[in-house]
Amino acid sequence: MDDFYVTIPYGLVVLGGGIAGYVKRGSAASLAAGAGFGGALLLGGALSIWAFARHSSSLFATVLQTVCAAALTIVMGIRYMKTRKVMPAGIVAMISAIVLIFYVYKISNGGNEVYFPVSAE
C-alpha cells in the first residue's frame, strides 16, 4: 500500500482536530499545531501522489511524513502522560504511533514501489 493512502486521511484528521480545538475551546495553539502538522502531512501526501503519478519515489515526502508522525507521537504522548486525558492527547498519540509504525515499515521495505505502465504489445 502506498503511503498517501494513509497520509491524506491522517493529515485531514490532524487538521480537523486543530480546527475543532479552536472552535470548541478557542485554543489558538491547537489551531496552529493542527494547521501546521496537518498541512505538512497533506503536503507530504500530495508530493507522494505526484511521485506516484510520475513513476518515481519521493524521499522528501517519506521523511516529512515520518518526522510529523514522530513529533506528534512524542509531543502528544508526553501531554497524555502529564494530563492523563484520553481526548485529544491520548487519541492523537495512539493514532500517530500506529501511523509512525506504518511509515517505518515502508522505509524499511524501500519506500513506495515504483510502478511502470504495462505496454499493450
C-alpha atoms as a PDB file:
ATOM      1  CA  MET A   1       0.000   0.000   0.000  1.00  0.00           C
ATOM      2  CA  ASP A   2       1.353   3.419  -0.909  1.00  0.00           C
ATOM      3  CA  ASP A   3       1.836   5.880   1.926  1.00  0.00           C
ATOM      4  CA  PHE A   4      -0.512   8.551   0.584  1.00  0.00           C
ATOM      5  CA  TYR A   5      -3.479   6.278   1.296  1.00  0.00           C
ATOM      6  CA  VAL A   6      -2.644   6.735   4.984  1.00  0.00           C
ATOM      7  CA  THR A   7      -1.136  10.220   4.916  1.00  0.00           C
ATOM      8  CA  ILE A   8      -4.025  12.132   3.352  1.00  0.00           C
ATOM      9  CA  PRO A   9      -6.697  10.914   5.844  1.00  0.00           C
ATOM     10  CA  TYR A  10      -4.224  11.273   8.734  1.00  0.00           C
ATOM     11  CA  GLY A  11      -3.420  14.852   7.689  1.00  0.00           C
ATOM     12  CA  LEU A  12      -7.120  15.683   7.416  1.00  0.00           C
ATOM     13  CA  VAL A  13      -7.771  14.262  10.903  1.00  0.00           C
ATOM     14  CA  VAL A  14      -4.909  16.287  12.386  1.00  0.00           C
ATOM     15  CA  LEU A  15      -6.068  19.457  10.620  1.00  0.00           C
ATOM     16  CA  GLY A  16      -9.673  18.830  11.661  1.00  0.00           C
ATOM     17  CA  GLY A  17      -8.601  18.254  15.257  1.00  0.00           C
ATOM     18  CA  GLY A  18      -6.781  21.581  15.324  1.00  0.00           C
ATOM     19  CA  ILE A  19      -9.831  23.363  13.947  1.00  0.00           C
ATOM     20  CA  ALA A  20     -12.113  21.573  16.422  1.00  0.00           C
ATOM     21  CA  GLY A  21      -9.847  22.563  19.320  1.00  0.00           C
ATOM     22  CA  TYR A  22     -10.016  26.181  18.232  1.00  0.00           C
ATOM     23  CA  VAL A  23     -13.790  26.173  17.732  1.00  0.00           C
ATOM     24  CA  LYS A  24     -14.553  24.308  20.977  1.00  0.00           C
ATOM     25  CA  ARG A  25     -12.025  25.902  23.336  1.00  0.00           C
ATOM     26  CA  GLY A  26     -10.740  28.921  21.442  1.00  0.00           C
ATOM     27  CA  SER A  27      -7.256  27.418  21.503  1.00  0.00           C
ATOM     28  CA  ALA A  28      -5.022  29.210  19.013  1.00  0.00           C
ATOM     29  CA  ALA A  29      -2.250  26.728  19.863  1.00  0.00           C
ATOM     30  CA  SER A  30      -4.458  23.830  18.738  1.00  0.00           C
ATOM     31  CA  LEU A  31      -5.278  25.648  15.526  1.00  0.00           C
ATOM     32  CA  ALA A  32      -1.621  26.450  14.820  1.00  0.00           C
ATOM     33  CA  ALA A  33      -0.404  22.922  15.602  1.00  0.00           C
ATOM     34  CA  GLY A  34      -3.260  21.290  13.692  1.00  0.00           C
ATOM     35  CA  ALA A  35      -2.789  23.540  10.683  1.00  0.00           C
ATOM     36  CA  GLY A  36       0.998  23.179  10.772  1.00  0.00           C
ATOM     37  CA  PHE A  37       1.189  19.418  11.168  1.00  0.00           C
ATOM     38  CA  GLY A  38      -1.953  18.727   9.125  1.00  0.00           C
ATOM     39  CA  GLY A  39      -0.720  20.985   6.337  1.00  0.00           C
ATOM     40  CA  ALA A  40       2.726  19.364   6.360  1.00  0.00           C
ATOM     41  CA  LEU A  41       1.162  15.900   6.218  1.00  0.00           C
ATOM     42  CA  LEU A  42      -1.135  16.909   3.375  1.00  0.00           C
ATOM     43  CA  LEU A  43       1.873  18.352   1.547  1.00  0.00           C
ATOM     44  CA  GLY A  44       3.741  15.072   2.080  1.00  0.00           C
ATOM     45  CA  GLY A  45       0.742  13.137   0.778  1.00  0.00           C
ATOM     46  CA  ALA A  46       0.453  15.388  -2.264  1.00  0.00           C
ATOM     47  CA  LEU A  47       4.170  15.006  -3.021  1.00  0.00           C
ATOM     48  CA  SER A  48       3.808  11.245  -2.681  1.00  0.00           C
ATOM     49  CA  ILE A  49       0.872  11.199  -5.111  1.00  0.00           C
ATOM     50  CA  TRP A  50       2.857  13.382  -7.513  1.00  0.00           C
ATOM     51  CA  ALA A  51       5.816  10.987  -7.342  1.00  0.00           C
ATOM     52  CA  PHE A  52       3.461   8.032  -7.858  1.00  0.00           C
ATOM     53  CA  ALA A  53       1.989   9.662 -10.967  1.00  0.00           C
ATOM     54  CA  ARG A  54       5.482  10.287 -12.347  1.00  0.00           C
ATOM     55  CA  HIS A  55       6.583   6.692 -11.610  1.00  0.00           C
ATOM     56  CA  SER A  56       9.260   7.811  -9.171  1.00  0.00           C
ATOM     57  CA  SER A  57       9.917   7.744  -5.453  1.00  0.00           C
ATOM     58  CA  SER A  58       9.765  10.731  -3.103  1.00  0.00           C
ATOM     59  CA  LEU A  59      12.259  10.526  -0.270  1.00  0.00           C
ATOM     60  CA  PHE A  60      11.388  14.045   0.917  1.00  0.00           C
ATOM     61  CA  ALA A  61       7.692  13.140   1.287  1.00  0.00           C
ATOM     62  CA  THR A  62       8.519   9.984   3.231  1.00  0.00           C
ATOM     63  CA  VAL A  63      10.878  11.817   5.586  1.00  0.00           C
ATOM     64  CA  LEU A  64       8.388  14.674   6.092  1.00  0.00           C
ATOM     65  CA  GLN A  65       5.563  12.256   6.916  1.00  0.00           C
ATOM     66  CA  THR A  66       7.733  10.246   9.307  1.00  0.00           C
ATOM     67  CA  VAL A  67       9.033  13.326  11.143  1.00  0.00           C
ATOM     68  CA  CYS A  68       5.494  14.699  11.579  1.00  0.00           C
ATOM     69  CA  ALA A  69       4.175  11.379  12.910  1.00  0.00           C
ATOM     70  CA  ALA A  70       7.149  11.010  15.276  1.00  0.00           C
ATOM     71  CA  ALA A  71       6.780  14.565  16.576  1.00  0.00           C
ATOM     72  CA  LEU A  72       3.048  14.136  17.175  1.00  0.00           C
ATOM     73  CA  THR A  73       3.611  10.780  18.890  1.00  0.00           C
ATOM     74  CA  ILE A  74       6.209  12.245  21.245  1.00  0.00           C
ATOM     75  CA  VAL A  75       4.522  15.582  21.977  1.00  0.00           C
ATOM     76  CA  MET A  76       1.030  14.188  22.456  1.00  0.00           C
ATOM     77  CA  GLY A  77       2.367  11.154  24.329  1.00  0.00           C
ATOM     78  CA  ILE A  78       4.109  13.443  26.825  1.00  0.00           C
ATOM     79  CA  ARG A  79       0.964  15.551  27.082  1.00  0.00           C
ATOM     80  CA  TYR A  80      -1.106  12.433  27.759  1.00  0.00           C
ATOM     81  CA  MET A  81       1.326  11.268  30.447  1.00  0.00           C
ATOM     82  CA  LYS A  82       1.083  14.661  32.181  1.00  0.00           C
ATOM     83  CA  THR A  83      -2.687  15.156  31.966  1.00  0.00           C
ATOM     84  CA  ARG A  84      -3.998  11.579  31.637  1.00  0.00           C
ATOM     85  CA  LYS A  85      -6.666  12.973  29.300  1.00  0.00           C
ATOM     86  CA  VAL A  86      -7.507  10.492  26.575  1.00  0.00           C
ATOM     87  CA  MET A  87      -9.086  13.179  24.403  1.00  0.00           C
ATOM     88  CA  PRO A  88      -7.309  14.629  22.484  1.00  0.00           C
ATOM     89  CA  ALA A  89      -3.754  13.804  23.613  1.00  0.00           C
ATOM     90  CA  GLY A  90      -4.145  10.053  24.100  1.00  0.00           C
ATOM     91  CA  ILE A  91      -6.055   9.511  20.872  1.00  0.00           C
ATOM     92  CA  VAL A  92      -3.651  11.589  18.766  1.00  0.00           C
ATOM     93  CA  ALA A  93      -0.621   9.908  20.354  1.00  0.00           C
ATOM     94  CA  MET A  94      -2.061   6.440  19.669  1.00  0.00           C
ATOM     95  CA  ILE A  95      -3.054   7.186  16.060  1.00  0.00           C
ATOM     96  CA  SER A  96       0.297   8.870  15.418  1.00  0.00           C
ATOM     97  CA  ALA A  97       2.197   5.906  16.875  1.00  0.00           C
ATOM     98  CA  ILE A  98       0.315   3.492  14.607  1.00  0.00           C
ATOM     99  CA  VAL A  99       0.963   5.689  11.568  1.00  0.00           C
ATOM    100  CA  LEU A 100       4.621   6.040  12.583  1.00  0.00           C
ATOM    101  CA  ILE A 101       4.947   2.241  12.670  1.00  0.00           C
ATOM    102  CA  PHE A 102       3.490   2.139   9.146  1.00  0.00           C
ATOM    103  CA  TYR A 103       5.998   4.741   7.904  1.00  0.00           C
ATOM    104  CA  VAL A 104       8.934   2.914   9.498  1.00  0.00           C
ATOM    105  CA  TYR A 105       7.701  -0.283   7.845  1.00  0.00           C
ATOM    106  CA  LYS A 106       7.514   1.496   4.478  1.00  0.00           C
ATOM    107  CA  ILE A 107      11.043   2.886   4.897  1.00  0.00           C
ATOM    108  CA  SER A 108      12.433  -0.493   5.948  1.00  0.00           C
ATOM    109  CA  ASN A 109      10.958  -2.053   2.797  1.00  0.00           C
ATOM    110  CA  GLY A 110      12.468   0.554   0.492  1.00  0.00           C
ATOM    111  CA  GLY A 111       9.601   3.067   0.369  1.00  0.00           C
ATOM    112  CA  ASN A 112       6.776   3.110  -2.125  1.00  0.00           C
ATOM    113  CA  GLU A 113       7.063   0.804  -5.080  1.00  0.00           C
ATOM    114  CA  VAL A 114       7.688   2.471  -8.406  1.00  0.00           C
ATOM    115  CA  TYR A 115       5.064   1.266 -10.844  1.00  0.00           C
ATOM    116  CA  PHE A 116       5.729   1.149 -14.548  1.00  0.00           C
ATOM    117  CA  PRO A 117       2.878   1.066 -17.067  1.00  0.00           C
ATOM    118  CA  VAL A 118       2.401  -2.215 -18.859  1.00  0.00           C
ATOM    119  CA  SER A 119       2.724  -1.915 -22.596  1.00  0.00           C
ATOM    120  CA  ALA A 120      -0.156  -3.228 -24.697  1.00  0.00           C
ATOM    121  CA  GLU A 121       2.010  -5.076 -27.193  1.00  0.00           C
END
